[in-house]
Amino acid sequence: ILSEIKRARFSIHDLSRTESARYNMPFE
């Protein structure tokens, strides 16, 4: 994941599932 993050200047983070205990997205 860290390698993928460093490969991209732009990012889209959809945190719409955080309220249902899906924590991978806010962590990333």
mmCIF file of all heavy atoms, coordinates in Angstrom:
data_MODEL
# 
_entry.id   MODEL 
# 
loop_
_atom_site.group_PDB 
_atom_site.id 
_atom_site.type_symbol 
_atom_site.label_atom_id 
_atom_site.label_alt_id 
_atom_site.label_comp_id 
_atom_site.label_asym_id 
_atom_site.label_entity_id 
_atom_site.label_seq_id 
_atom_site.pdbx_PDB_ins_code 
_atom_site.Cartn_x 
_atom_site.Cartn_y 
_atom_site.Cartn_z 
_atom_site.occupancy 
_atom_site.B_iso_or_equiv 
_atom_site.pdbx_formal_charge 
_atom_site.auth_seq_id 
_atom_site.auth_comp_id 
_atom_site.auth_asym_id 
_atom_site.auth_atom_id 
_atom_site.pdbx_PDB_model_num 
ATOM 1   N N   . ILE A 1 1  ? 0.832   -1.199 0.000   1.00 0.00 ? 1  ILE A N   1 
ATOM 2   C CA  . ILE A 1 1  ? 0.000   0.000  0.000   1.00 0.00 ? 1  ILE A CA  1 
ATOM 3   C C   . ILE A 1 1  ? 0.871   1.254  0.000   1.00 0.00 ? 1  ILE A C   1 
ATOM 4   O O   . ILE A 1 1  ? 0.626   2.200  -0.755  1.00 0.00 ? 1  ILE A O   1 
ATOM 5   C CB  . ILE A 1 1  ? -0.950  -0.002 1.214   1.00 0.00 ? 1  ILE A CB  1 
ATOM 6   C CG1 . ILE A 1 1  ? -1.993  -1.105 1.050   1.00 0.00 ? 1  ILE A CG1 1 
ATOM 7   C CG2 . ILE A 1 1  ? -1.628  1.355  1.371   1.00 0.00 ? 1  ILE A CG2 1 
ATOM 8   C CD1 . ILE A 1 1  ? -2.851  -1.325 2.277   1.00 0.00 ? 1  ILE A CD1 1 
ATOM 9   N N   . LEU A 1 2  ? 1.896   1.263  0.831   1.00 0.00 ? 2  LEU A N   1 
ATOM 10  C CA  . LEU A 1 2  ? 2.794   2.419  0.875   1.00 0.00 ? 2  LEU A CA  1 
ATOM 11  C C   . LEU A 1 2  ? 3.475   2.637  -0.475  1.00 0.00 ? 2  LEU A C   1 
ATOM 12  O O   . LEU A 1 2  ? 3.639   3.778  -0.926  1.00 0.00 ? 2  LEU A O   1 
ATOM 13  C CB  . LEU A 1 2  ? 3.839   2.231  1.970   1.00 0.00 ? 2  LEU A CB  1 
ATOM 14  C CG  . LEU A 1 2  ? 3.337   2.410  3.411   1.00 0.00 ? 2  LEU A CG  1 
ATOM 15  C CD1 . LEU A 1 2  ? 4.377   1.916  4.403   1.00 0.00 ? 2  LEU A CD1 1 
ATOM 16  C CD2 . LEU A 1 2  ? 2.991   3.867  3.677   1.00 0.00 ? 2  LEU A CD2 1 
ATOM 17  N N   . SER A 1 3  ? 3.865   1.553  -1.116  1.00 0.00 ? 3  SER A N   1 
ATOM 18  C CA  . SER A 1 3  ? 4.492   1.663  -2.431  1.00 0.00 ? 3  SER A CA  1 
ATOM 19  C C   . SER A 1 3  ? 3.525   2.261  -3.443  1.00 0.00 ? 3  SER A C   1 
ATOM 20  O O   . SER A 1 3  ? 3.902   3.132  -4.245  1.00 0.00 ? 3  SER A O   1 
ATOM 21  C CB  . SER A 1 3  ? 4.959   0.281  -2.895  1.00 0.00 ? 3  SER A CB  1 
ATOM 22  O OG  . SER A 1 3  ? 5.496   0.344  -4.207  1.00 0.00 ? 3  SER A OG  1 
ATOM 23  N N   . GLU A 1 4  ? 2.266   1.825  -3.409  1.00 0.00 ? 4  GLU A N   1 
ATOM 24  C CA  . GLU A 1 4  ? 1.261   2.348  -4.330  1.00 0.00 ? 4  GLU A CA  1 
ATOM 25  C C   . GLU A 1 4  ? 0.985   3.825  -4.068  1.00 0.00 ? 4  GLU A C   1 
ATOM 26  O O   . GLU A 1 4  ? 0.841   4.622  -4.999  1.00 0.00 ? 4  GLU A O   1 
ATOM 27  C CB  . GLU A 1 4  ? -0.020  1.523  -4.202  1.00 0.00 ? 4  GLU A CB  1 
ATOM 28  C CG  . GLU A 1 4  ? 0.123   0.106  -4.734  1.00 0.00 ? 4  GLU A CG  1 
ATOM 29  C CD  . GLU A 1 4  ? -1.025  -0.798 -4.326  1.00 0.00 ? 4  GLU A CD  1 
ATOM 30  O OE1 . GLU A 1 4  ? -1.840  -0.383 -3.488  1.00 0.00 ? 4  GLU A OE1 1 
ATOM 31  O OE2 . GLU A 1 4  ? -1.088  -1.926 -4.855  1.00 0.00 ? 4  GLU A OE2 1 
ATOM 32  N N   . ILE A 1 5  ? 0.925   4.201  -2.799  1.00 0.00 ? 5  ILE A N   1 
ATOM 33  C CA  . ILE A 1 5  ? 0.694   5.600  -2.434  1.00 0.00 ? 5  ILE A CA  1 
ATOM 34  C C   . ILE A 1 5  ? 1.810   6.485  -2.987  1.00 0.00 ? 5  ILE A C   1 
ATOM 35  O O   . ILE A 1 5  ? 1.545   7.579  -3.520  1.00 0.00 ? 5  ILE A O   1 
ATOM 36  C CB  . ILE A 1 5  ? 0.590   5.742  -0.902  1.00 0.00 ? 5  ILE A CB  1 
ATOM 37  C CG1 . ILE A 1 5  ? -0.770  5.213  -0.419  1.00 0.00 ? 5  ILE A CG1 1 
ATOM 38  C CG2 . ILE A 1 5  ? 0.798   7.189  -0.457  1.00 0.00 ? 5  ILE A CG2 1 
ATOM 39  C CD1 . ILE A 1 5  ? -0.898  5.118  1.086   1.00 0.00 ? 5  ILE A CD1 1 
ATOM 40  N N   . LYS A 1 6  ? 3.043   6.026  -2.902  1.00 0.00 ? 6  LYS A N   1 
ATOM 41  C CA  . LYS A 1 6  ? 4.172   6.828  -3.361  1.00 0.00 ? 6  LYS A CA  1 
ATOM 42  C C   . LYS A 1 6  ? 4.285   6.885  -4.881  1.00 0.00 ? 6  LYS A C   1 
ATOM 43  O O   . LYS A 1 6  ? 5.002   7.726  -5.411  1.00 0.00 ? 6  LYS A O   1 
ATOM 44  C CB  . LYS A 1 6  ? 5.472   6.289  -2.752  1.00 0.00 ? 6  LYS A CB  1 
ATOM 45  C CG  . LYS A 1 6  ? 5.568   6.529  -1.250  1.00 0.00 ? 6  LYS A CG  1 
ATOM 46  C CD  . LYS A 1 6  ? 6.939   6.182  -0.701  1.00 0.00 ? 6  LYS A CD  1 
ATOM 47  C CE  . LYS A 1 6  ? 7.191   4.701  -0.697  1.00 0.00 ? 6  LYS A CE  1 
ATOM 48  N NZ  . LYS A 1 6  ? 8.483   4.375  -0.034  1.00 0.00 ? 6  LYS A NZ  1 
ATOM 49  N N   . ARG A 1 7  ? 3.555   6.028  -5.566  1.00 0.00 ? 7  ARG A N   1 
ATOM 50  C CA  . ARG A 1 7  ? 3.597   6.019  -7.036  1.00 0.00 ? 7  ARG A CA  1 
ATOM 51  C C   . ARG A 1 7  ? 2.682   7.064  -7.655  1.00 0.00 ? 7  ARG A C   1 
ATOM 52  O O   . ARG A 1 7  ? 2.769   7.324  -8.854  1.00 0.00 ? 7  ARG A O   1 
ATOM 53  C CB  . ARG A 1 7  ? 3.178   4.644  -7.572  1.00 0.00 ? 7  ARG A CB  1 
ATOM 54  C CG  . ARG A 1 7  ? 4.193   3.541  -7.375  1.00 0.00 ? 7  ARG A CG  1 
ATOM 55  C CD  . ARG A 1 7  ? 3.603   2.207  -7.771  1.00 0.00 ? 7  ARG A CD  1 
ATOM 56  N NE  . ARG A 1 7  ? 3.093   2.232  -9.138  1.00 0.00 ? 7  ARG A NE  1 
ATOM 57  C CZ  . ARG A 1 7  ? 2.211   1.363  -9.619  1.00 0.00 ? 7  ARG A CZ  1 
ATOM 58  N NH1 . ARG A 1 7  ? 1.707   0.427  -8.825  1.00 0.00 ? 7  ARG A NH1 1 
ATOM 59  N NH2 . ARG A 1 7  ? 1.815   1.431  -10.870 1.00 0.00 ? 7  ARG A NH2 1 
ATOM 60  N N   . ALA A 1 8  ? 1.790   7.669  -6.857  1.00 0.00 ? 8  ALA A N   1 
ATOM 61  C CA  . ALA A 1 8  ? 0.744   8.513  -7.432  1.00 0.00 ? 8  ALA A CA  1 
ATOM 62  C C   . ALA A 1 8  ? 0.707   9.900  -6.806  1.00 0.00 ? 8  ALA A C   1 
ATOM 63  O O   . ALA A 1 8  ? 0.624   10.030 -5.578  1.00 0.00 ? 8  ALA A O   1 
ATOM 64  C CB  . ALA A 1 8  ? -0.621  7.838  -7.251  1.00 0.00 ? 8  ALA A CB  1 
ATOM 65  N N   . ARG A 1 9  ? 0.750   10.922 -7.638  1.00 0.00 ? 9  ARG A N   1 
ATOM 66  C CA  . ARG A 1 9  ? 0.593   12.288 -7.141  1.00 0.00 ? 9  ARG A CA  1 
ATOM 67  C C   . ARG A 1 9  ? -0.848  12.538 -6.695  1.00 0.00 ? 9  ARG A C   1 
ATOM 68  O O   . ARG A 1 9  ? -1.088  13.277 -5.744  1.00 0.00 ? 9  ARG A O   1 
ATOM 69  C CB  . ARG A 1 9  ? 0.981   13.293 -8.228  1.00 0.00 ? 9  ARG A CB  1 
ATOM 70  C CG  . ARG A 1 9  ? 0.834   14.723 -7.739  1.00 0.00 ? 9  ARG A CG  1 
ATOM 71  C CD  . ARG A 1 9  ? 1.081   15.745 -8.808  1.00 0.00 ? 9  ARG A CD  1 
ATOM 72  N NE  . ARG A 1 9  ? 0.827   17.076 -8.290  1.00 0.00 ? 9  ARG A NE  1 
ATOM 73  C CZ  . ARG A 1 9  ? 0.586   18.141 -9.037  1.00 0.00 ? 9  ARG A CZ  1 
ATOM 74  N NH1 . ARG A 1 9  ? 0.568   18.039 -10.355 1.00 0.00 ? 9  ARG A NH1 1 
ATOM 75  N NH2 . ARG A 1 9  ? 0.347   19.314 -8.479  1.00 0.00 ? 9  ARG A NH2 1 
ATOM 76  N N   . PHE A 1 10 ? -1.802  11.937 -7.402  1.00 0.00 ? 10 PHE A N   1 
ATOM 77  C CA  . PHE A 1 10 ? -3.217  12.180 -7.131  1.00 0.00 ? 10 PHE A CA  1 
ATOM 78  C C   . PHE A 1 10 ? -3.831  10.984 -6.408  1.00 0.00 ? 10 PHE A C   1 
ATOM 79  O O   . PHE A 1 10 ? -3.423  9.841  -6.609  1.00 0.00 ? 10 PHE A O   1 
ATOM 80  C CB  . PHE A 1 10 ? -3.971  12.450 -8.441  1.00 0.00 ? 10 PHE A CB  1 
ATOM 81  C CG  . PHE A 1 10 ? -3.400  13.596 -9.222  1.00 0.00 ? 10 PHE A CG  1 
ATOM 82  C CD1 . PHE A 1 10 ? -2.556  13.371 -10.300 1.00 0.00 ? 10 PHE A CD1 1 
ATOM 83  C CD2 . PHE A 1 10 ? -3.672  14.908 -8.869  1.00 0.00 ? 10 PHE A CD2 1 
ATOM 84  C CE1 . PHE A 1 10 ? -2.006  14.423 -11.020 1.00 0.00 ? 10 PHE A CE1 1 
ATOM 85  C CE2 . PHE A 1 10 ? -3.132  15.971 -9.564  1.00 0.00 ? 10 PHE A CE2 1 
ATOM 86  C CZ  . PHE A 1 10 ? -2.295  15.727 -10.649 1.00 0.00 ? 10 PHE A CZ  1 
ATOM 87  N N   . SER A 1 11 ? -4.835  11.273 -5.570  1.00 0.00 ? 11 SER A N   1 
ATOM 88  C CA  . SER A 1 11 ? -5.489  10.205 -4.813  1.00 0.00 ? 11 SER A CA  1 
ATOM 89  C C   . SER A 1 11 ? -6.975  10.502 -4.663  1.00 0.00 ? 11 SER A C   1 
ATOM 90  O O   . SER A 1 11 ? -7.374  11.656 -4.475  1.00 0.00 ? 11 SER A O   1 
ATOM 91  C CB  . SER A 1 11 ? -4.879  10.063 -3.414  1.00 0.00 ? 11 SER A CB  1 
ATOM 92  O OG  . SER A 1 11 ? -3.497  9.789  -3.469  1.00 0.00 ? 11 SER A OG  1 
ATOM 93  N N   . ILE A 1 12 ? -7.767  9.438  -4.709  1.00 0.00 ? 12 ILE A N   1 
ATOM 94  C CA  . ILE A 1 12 ? -9.191  9.523  -4.381  1.00 0.00 ? 12 ILE A CA  1 
ATOM 95  C C   . ILE A 1 12 ? -9.433  8.581  -3.205  1.00 0.00 ? 12 ILE A C   1 
ATOM 96  O O   . ILE A 1 12 ? -9.150  7.374  -3.294  1.00 0.00 ? 12 ILE A O   1 
ATOM 97  C CB  . ILE A 1 12 ? -10.075 9.127  -5.574  1.00 0.00 ? 12 ILE A CB  1 
ATOM 98  C CG1 . ILE A 1 12 ? -9.864  10.104 -6.737  1.00 0.00 ? 12 ILE A CG1 1 
ATOM 99  C CG2 . ILE A 1 12 ? -11.554 9.093  -5.158  1.00 0.00 ? 12 ILE A CG2 1 
ATOM 100 C CD1 . ILE A 1 12 ? -10.627 9.727  -8.008  1.00 0.00 ? 12 ILE A CD1 1 
ATOM 101 N N   . HIS A 1 13 ? -9.940  9.128  -2.115  1.00 0.00 ? 13 HIS A N   1 
ATOM 102 C CA  . HIS A 1 13 ? -10.216 8.355  -0.906  1.00 0.00 ? 13 HIS A CA  1 
ATOM 103 C C   . HIS A 1 13 ? -11.716 8.424  -0.619  1.00 0.00 ? 13 HIS A C   1 
ATOM 104 O O   . HIS A 1 13 ? -12.230 9.497  -0.279  1.00 0.00 ? 13 HIS A O   1 
ATOM 105 C CB  . HIS A 1 13 ? -9.440  8.918  0.286   1.00 0.00 ? 13 HIS A CB  1 
ATOM 106 C CG  . HIS A 1 13 ? -7.956  8.852  0.123   1.00 0.00 ? 13 HIS A CG  1 
ATOM 107 N ND1 . HIS A 1 13 ? -7.215  7.751  0.499   1.00 0.00 ? 13 HIS A ND1 1 
ATOM 108 C CD2 . HIS A 1 13 ? -7.068  9.755  -0.380  1.00 0.00 ? 13 HIS A CD2 1 
ATOM 109 C CE1 . HIS A 1 13 ? -5.932  7.984  0.234   1.00 0.00 ? 13 HIS A CE1 1 
ATOM 110 N NE2 . HIS A 1 13 ? -5.818  9.189  -0.289  1.00 0.00 ? 13 HIS A NE2 1 
ATOM 111 N N   . ASP A 1 14 ? -12.395 7.298  -0.760  1.00 0.00 ? 14 ASP A N   1 
ATOM 112 C CA  . ASP A 1 14 ? -13.818 7.261  -0.431  1.00 0.00 ? 14 ASP A CA  1 
ATOM 113 C C   . ASP A 1 14 ? -13.978 6.633  0.950   1.00 0.00 ? 14 ASP A C   1 
ATOM 114 O O   . ASP A 1 14 ? -13.777 5.428  1.134   1.00 0.00 ? 14 ASP A O   1 
ATOM 115 C CB  . ASP A 1 14 ? -14.602 6.462  -1.476  1.00 0.00 ? 14 ASP A CB  1 
ATOM 116 C CG  . ASP A 1 14 ? -16.097 6.643  -1.317  1.00 0.00 ? 14 ASP A CG  1 
ATOM 117 O OD1 . ASP A 1 14 ? -16.556 6.889  -0.173  1.00 0.00 ? 14 ASP A OD1 1 
ATOM 118 O OD2 . ASP A 1 14 ? -16.832 6.556  -2.311  1.00 0.00 ? 14 ASP A OD2 1 
ATOM 119 N N   . LEU A 1 15 ? -14.352 7.443  1.922   1.00 0.00 ? 15 LEU A N   1 
ATOM 120 C CA  . LEU A 1 15 ? -14.482 6.989  3.303   1.00 0.00 ? 15 LEU A CA  1 
ATOM 121 C C   . LEU A 1 15 ? -15.936 6.768  3.693   1.00 0.00 ? 15 LEU A C   1 
ATOM 122 O O   . LEU A 1 15 ? -16.298 6.852  4.864   1.00 0.00 ? 15 LEU A O   1 
ATOM 123 C CB  . LEU A 1 15 ? -13.819 8.017  4.239   1.00 0.00 ? 15 LEU A CB  1 
ATOM 124 C CG  . LEU A 1 15 ? -12.381 8.406  3.877   1.00 0.00 ? 15 LEU A CG  1 
ATOM 125 C CD1 . LEU A 1 15 ? -11.801 9.320  4.944   1.00 0.00 ? 15 LEU A CD1 1 
ATOM 126 C CD2 . LEU A 1 15 ? -11.507 7.195  3.674   1.00 0.00 ? 15 LEU A CD2 1 
ATOM 127 N N   . SER A 1 16 ? -16.770 6.467  2.700   1.00 0.00 ? 16 SER A N   1 
ATOM 128 C CA  . SER A 1 16 ? -18.212 6.382  2.948   1.00 0.00 ? 16 SER A CA  1 
ATOM 129 C C   . SER A 1 16 ? -18.616 5.159  3.763   1.00 0.00 ? 16 SER A C   1 
ATOM 130 O O   . SER A 1 16 ? -19.751 5.097  4.227   1.00 0.00 ? 16 SER A O   1 
ATOM 131 C CB  . SER A 1 16 ? -18.969 6.376  1.616   1.00 0.00 ? 16 SER A CB  1 
ATOM 132 O OG  . SER A 1 16 ? -18.543 5.321  0.781   1.00 0.00 ? 16 SER A OG  1 
ATOM 133 N N   . ARG A 1 17 ? -17.731 4.183  3.939   1.00 0.00 ? 17 ARG A N   1 
ATOM 134 C CA  . ARG A 1 17 ? -18.097 3.002  4.724   1.00 0.00 ? 17 ARG A CA  1 
ATOM 135 C C   . ARG A 1 17 ? -17.535 3.039  6.137   1.00 0.00 ? 17 ARG A C   1 
ATOM 136 O O   . ARG A 1 17 ? -17.650 2.074  6.874   1.00 0.00 ? 17 ARG A O   1 
ATOM 137 C CB  . ARG A 1 17 ? -17.584 1.747  4.018   1.00 0.00 ? 17 ARG A CB  1 
ATOM 138 C CG  . ARG A 1 17 ? -18.088 1.554  2.602   1.00 0.00 ? 17 ARG A CG  1 
ATOM 139 C CD  . ARG A 1 17 ? -19.529 1.105  2.566   1.00 0.00 ? 17 ARG A CD  1 
ATOM 140 N NE  . ARG A 1 17 ? -19.965 0.890  1.195   1.00 0.00 ? 17 ARG A NE  1 
ATOM 141 C CZ  . ARG A 1 17 ? -19.757 -0.213 0.500   1.00 0.00 ? 17 ARG A CZ  1 
ATOM 142 N NH1 . ARG A 1 17 ? -19.108 -1.218 1.063   1.00 0.00 ? 17 ARG A NH1 1 
ATOM 143 N NH2 . ARG A 1 17 ? -20.200 -0.318 -0.737  1.00 0.00 ? 17 ARG A NH2 1 
ATOM 144 N N   . THR A 1 18 ? -16.929 4.143  6.524   1.00 0.00 ? 18 THR A N   1 
ATOM 145 C CA  . THR A 1 18 ? -16.276 4.214  7.831   1.00 0.00 ? 18 THR A CA  1 
ATOM 146 C C   . THR A 1 18 ? -17.261 4.025  8.980   1.00 0.00 ? 18 THR A C   1 
ATOM 147 O O   . THR A 1 18 ? -16.938 3.434  10.013  1.00 0.00 ? 18 THR A O   1 
ATOM 148 C CB  . THR A 1 18 ? -15.562 5.579  7.982   1.00 0.00 ? 18 THR A CB  1 
ATOM 149 O OG1 . THR A 1 18 ? -14.658 5.740  6.892   1.00 0.00 ? 18 THR A OG1 1 
ATOM 150 C CG2 . THR A 1 18 ? -14.793 5.637  9.286   1.00 0.00 ? 18 THR A CG2 1 
ATOM 151 N N   . GLU A 1 19 ? -18.496 4.494  8.789   1.00 0.00 ? 19 GLU A N   1 
ATOM 152 C CA  . GLU A 1 19 ? -19.476 4.391  9.874   1.00 0.00 ? 19 GLU A CA  1 
ATOM 153 C C   . GLU A 1 19 ? -19.887 2.954  10.135  1.00 0.00 ? 19 GLU A C   1 
ATOM 154 O O   . GLU A 1 19 ? -20.484 2.657  11.179  1.00 0.00 ? 19 GLU A O   1 
ATOM 155 C CB  . GLU A 1 19 ? -20.707 5.254  9.567   1.00 0.00 ? 19 GLU A CB  1 
ATOM 156 C CG  . GLU A 1 19 ? -21.679 4.683  8.533   1.00 0.00 ? 19 GLU A CG  1 
ATOM 157 C CD  . GLU A 1 19 ? -21.246 4.962  7.096   1.00 0.00 ? 19 GLU A CD  1 
ATOM 158 O OE1 . GLU A 1 19 ? -20.099 5.391  6.904   1.00 0.00 ? 19 GLU A OE1 1 
ATOM 159 O OE2 . GLU A 1 19 ? -22.058 4.732  6.183   1.00 0.00 ? 19 GLU A OE2 1 
ATOM 160 N N   . SER A 1 20 ? -19.589 2.040  9.209   1.00 0.00 ? 20 SER A N   1 
ATOM 161 C CA  . SER A 1 20 ? -19.951 0.636  9.400   1.00 0.00 ? 20 SER A CA  1 
ATOM 162 C C   . SER A 1 20 ? -18.723 -0.211 9.741   1.00 0.00 ? 20 SER A C   1 
ATOM 163 O O   . SER A 1 20 ? -18.639 -1.379 9.378   1.00 0.00 ? 20 SER A O   1 
ATOM 164 C CB  . SER A 1 20 ? -20.634 0.095  8.143   1.00 0.00 ? 20 SER A CB  1 
ATOM 165 O OG  . SER A 1 20 ? -19.790 0.226  7.008   1.00 0.00 ? 20 SER A OG  1 
ATOM 166 N N   . ALA A 1 21 ? -17.767 0.407  10.429  1.00 0.00 ? 21 ALA A N   1 
ATOM 167 C CA  . ALA A 1 21 ? -16.560 -0.285 10.920  1.00 0.00 ? 21 ALA A CA  1 
ATOM 168 C C   . ALA A 1 21 ? -15.685 -0.804 9.799   1.00 0.00 ? 21 ALA A C   1 
ATOM 169 O O   . ALA A 1 21 ? -15.057 -1.852 9.927   1.00 0.00 ? 21 ALA A O   1 
ATOM 170 C CB  . ALA A 1 21 ? -16.965 -1.419 11.870  1.00 0.00 ? 21 ALA A CB  1 
ATOM 171 N N   . ARG A 1 22 ? -15.604 -0.075 8.684   1.00 0.00 ? 22 ARG A N   1 
ATOM 172 C CA  . ARG A 1 22 ? -14.663 -0.408 7.610   1.00 0.00 ? 22 ARG A CA  1 
ATOM 173 C C   . ARG A 1 22 ? -13.485 0.569  7.743   1.00 0.00 ? 22 ARG A C   1 
ATOM 174 O O   . ARG A 1 22 ? -13.533 1.685  7.235   1.00 0.00 ? 22 ARG A O   1 
ATOM 175 C CB  . ARG A 1 22 ? -15.351 -0.275 6.245   1.00 0.00 ? 22 ARG A CB  1 
ATOM 176 C CG  . ARG A 1 22 ? -16.506 -1.222 6.038   1.00 0.00 ? 22 ARG A CG  1 
ATOM 177 C CD  . ARG A 1 22 ? -16.029 -2.639 5.775   1.00 0.00 ? 22 ARG A CD  1 
ATOM 178 N NE  . ARG A 1 22 ? -15.361 -2.733 4.482   1.00 0.00 ? 22 ARG A NE  1 
ATOM 179 C CZ  . ARG A 1 22 ? -16.018 -2.952 3.341   1.00 0.00 ? 22 ARG A CZ  1 
ATOM 180 N NH1 . ARG A 1 22 ? -17.323 -3.071 3.325   1.00 0.00 ? 22 ARG A NH1 1 
ATOM 181 N NH2 . ARG A 1 22 ? -15.352 -3.040 2.207   1.00 0.00 ? 22 ARG A NH2 1 
ATOM 182 N N   . TYR A 1 23 ? -12.446 0.159  8.452   1.00 0.00 ? 23 TYR A N   1 
ATOM 183 C CA  . TYR A 1 23 ? -11.395 1.087  8.851   1.00 0.00 ? 23 TYR A CA  1 
ATOM 184 C C   . TYR A 1 23 ? -10.183 1.104  7.928   1.00 0.00 ? 23 TYR A C   1 
ATOM 185 O O   . TYR A 1 23 ? -9.289  1.934  8.101   1.00 0.00 ? 23 TYR A O   1 
ATOM 186 C CB  . TYR A 1 23 ? -10.937 0.773  10.282  1.00 0.00 ? 23 TYR A CB  1 
ATOM 187 C CG  . TYR A 1 23 ? -12.055 0.912  11.307  1.00 0.00 ? 23 TYR A CG  1 
ATOM 188 C CD1 . TYR A 1 23 ? -12.252 -0.054 12.268  1.00 0.00 ? 23 TYR A CD1 1 
ATOM 189 C CD2 . TYR A 1 23 ? -12.898 2.021  11.279  1.00 0.00 ? 23 TYR A CD2 1 
ATOM 190 C CE1 . TYR A 1 23 ? -13.283 0.078  13.200  1.00 0.00 ? 23 TYR A CE1 1 
ATOM 191 C CE2 . TYR A 1 23 ? -13.921 2.159  12.207  1.00 0.00 ? 23 TYR A CE2 1 
ATOM 192 C CZ  . TYR A 1 23 ? -14.113 1.179  13.161  1.00 0.00 ? 23 TYR A CZ  1 
ATOM 193 O OH  . TYR A 1 23 ? -15.122 1.301  14.070  1.00 0.00 ? 23 TYR A OH  1 
ATOM 194 N N   . ASN A 1 24 ? -10.115 0.176  6.974   1.00 0.00 ? 24 ASN A N   1 
ATOM 195 C CA  . ASN A 1 24 ? -8.971  0.181  6.058   1.00 0.00 ? 24 ASN A CA  1 
ATOM 196 C C   . ASN A 1 24 ? -8.876  1.485  5.282   1.00 0.00 ? 24 ASN A C   1 
ATOM 197 O O   . ASN A 1 24 ? -7.782  2.022  5.070   1.00 0.00 ? 24 ASN A O   1 
ATOM 198 C CB  . ASN A 1 24 ? -9.072  -0.991 5.073   1.00 0.00 ? 24 ASN A CB  1 
ATOM 199 C CG  . ASN A 1 24 ? -8.685  -2.308 5.695   1.00 0.00 ? 24 ASN A CG  1 
ATOM 200 O OD1 . ASN A 1 24 ? -8.178  -2.356 6.803   1.00 0.00 ? 24 ASN A OD1 1 
ATOM 201 N ND2 . ASN A 1 24 ? -8.949  -3.380 4.979   1.00 0.00 ? 24 ASN A ND2 1 
ATOM 202 N N   . MET A 1 25 ? -10.025 2.008  4.832   1.00 0.00 ? 25 MET A N   1 
ATOM 203 C CA  . MET A 1 25 ? -10.010 3.210  4.004   1.00 0.00 ? 25 MET A CA  1 
ATOM 204 C C   . MET A 1 25 ? -9.478  4.438  4.761   1.00 0.00 ? 25 MET A C   1 
ATOM 205 O O   . MET A 1 25 ? -8.592  5.122  4.260   1.00 0.00 ? 25 MET A O   1 
ATOM 206 C CB  . MET A 1 25 ? -11.389 3.492  3.416   1.00 0.00 ? 25 MET A CB  1 
ATOM 207 C CG  . MET A 1 25 ? -11.678 2.694  2.146   1.00 0.00 ? 25 MET A CG  1 
ATOM 208 S SD  . MET A 1 25 ? -12.019 0.952  2.463   1.00 0.00 ? 25 MET A SD  1 
ATOM 209 C CE  . MET A 1 25 ? -13.676 1.057  3.148   1.00 0.00 ? 25 MET A CE  1 
ATOM 210 N N   . PRO A 1 26 ? -9.964  4.750  5.974   1.00 0.00 ? 26 PRO A N   1 
ATOM 211 C CA  . PRO A 1 26 ? -9.385  5.894  6.689   1.00 0.00 ? 26 PRO A CA  1 
ATOM 212 C C   . PRO A 1 26 ? -7.923  5.669  7.059   1.00 0.00 ? 26 PRO A C   1 
ATOM 213 O O   . PRO A 1 26 ? -7.134  6.627  7.097   1.00 0.00 ? 26 PRO A O   1 
ATOM 214 C CB  . PRO A 1 26 ? -10.266 6.045  7.933   1.00 0.00 ? 26 PRO A CB  1 
ATOM 215 C CG  . PRO A 1 26 ? -11.035 4.796  8.044   1.00 0.00 ? 26 PRO A CG  1 
ATOM 216 C CD  . PRO A 1 26 ? -11.171 4.238  6.667   1.00 0.00 ? 26 PRO A CD  1 
ATOM 217 N N   . PHE A 1 27 ? -7.534  4.418  7.314   1.00 0.00 ? 27 PHE A N   1 
ATOM 218 C CA  . PHE A 1 27 ? -6.126  4.136  7.613   1.00 0.00 ? 27 PHE A CA  1 
ATOM 219 C C   . PHE A 1 27 ? -5.252  4.462  6.401   1.00 0.00 ? 27 PHE A C   1 
ATOM 220 O O   . PHE A 1 27 ? -4.206  5.113  6.529   1.00 0.00 ? 27 PHE A O   1 
ATOM 221 C CB  . PHE A 1 27 ? -5.973  2.668  8.001   1.00 0.00 ? 27 PHE A CB  1 
ATOM 222 C CG  . PHE A 1 27 ? -4.551  2.269  8.277   1.00 0.00 ? 27 PHE A CG  1 
ATOM 223 C CD1 . PHE A 1 27 ? -3.889  2.717  9.410   1.00 0.00 ? 27 PHE A CD1 1 
ATOM 224 C CD2 . PHE A 1 27 ? -3.871  1.437  7.398   1.00 0.00 ? 27 PHE A CD2 1 
ATOM 225 C CE1 . PHE A 1 27 ? -2.568  2.351  9.658   1.00 0.00 ? 27 PHE A CE1 1 
ATOM 226 C CE2 . PHE A 1 27 ? -2.556  1.070  7.642   1.00 0.00 ? 27 PHE A CE2 1 
ATOM 227 C CZ  . PHE A 1 27 ? -1.907  1.523  8.771   1.00 0.00 ? 27 PHE A CZ  1 
ATOM 228 N N   . GLU A 1 28 ? -5.676  4.038  5.212   1.00 0.00 ? 28 GLU A N   1 
ATOM 229 C CA  . GLU A 1 28 ? -4.898  4.304  4.009   1.00 0.00 ? 28 GLU A CA  1 
ATOM 230 C C   . GLU A 1 28 ? -4.882  5.797  3.676   1.00 0.00 ? 28 GLU A C   1 
ATOM 231 O O   . GLU A 1 28 ? -3.868  6.323  3.191   1.00 0.00 ? 28 GLU A O   1 
ATOM 232 C CB  . GLU A 1 28 ? -5.443  3.484  2.839   1.00 0.00 ? 28 GLU A CB  1 
ATOM 233 C CG  . GLU A 1 28 ? -5.164  1.994  3.008   1.00 0.00 ? 28 GLU A CG  1 
ATOM 234 C CD  . GLU A 1 28 ? -5.800  1.136  1.940   1.00 0.00 ? 28 GLU A CD  1 
ATOM 235 O OE1 . GLU A 1 28 ? -6.100  1.666  0.837   1.00 0.00 ? 28 GLU A OE1 1 
ATOM 236 O OE2 . GLU A 1 28 ? -5.997  -0.074 2.183   1.00 0.00 ? 28 GLU A OE2 1 
# 
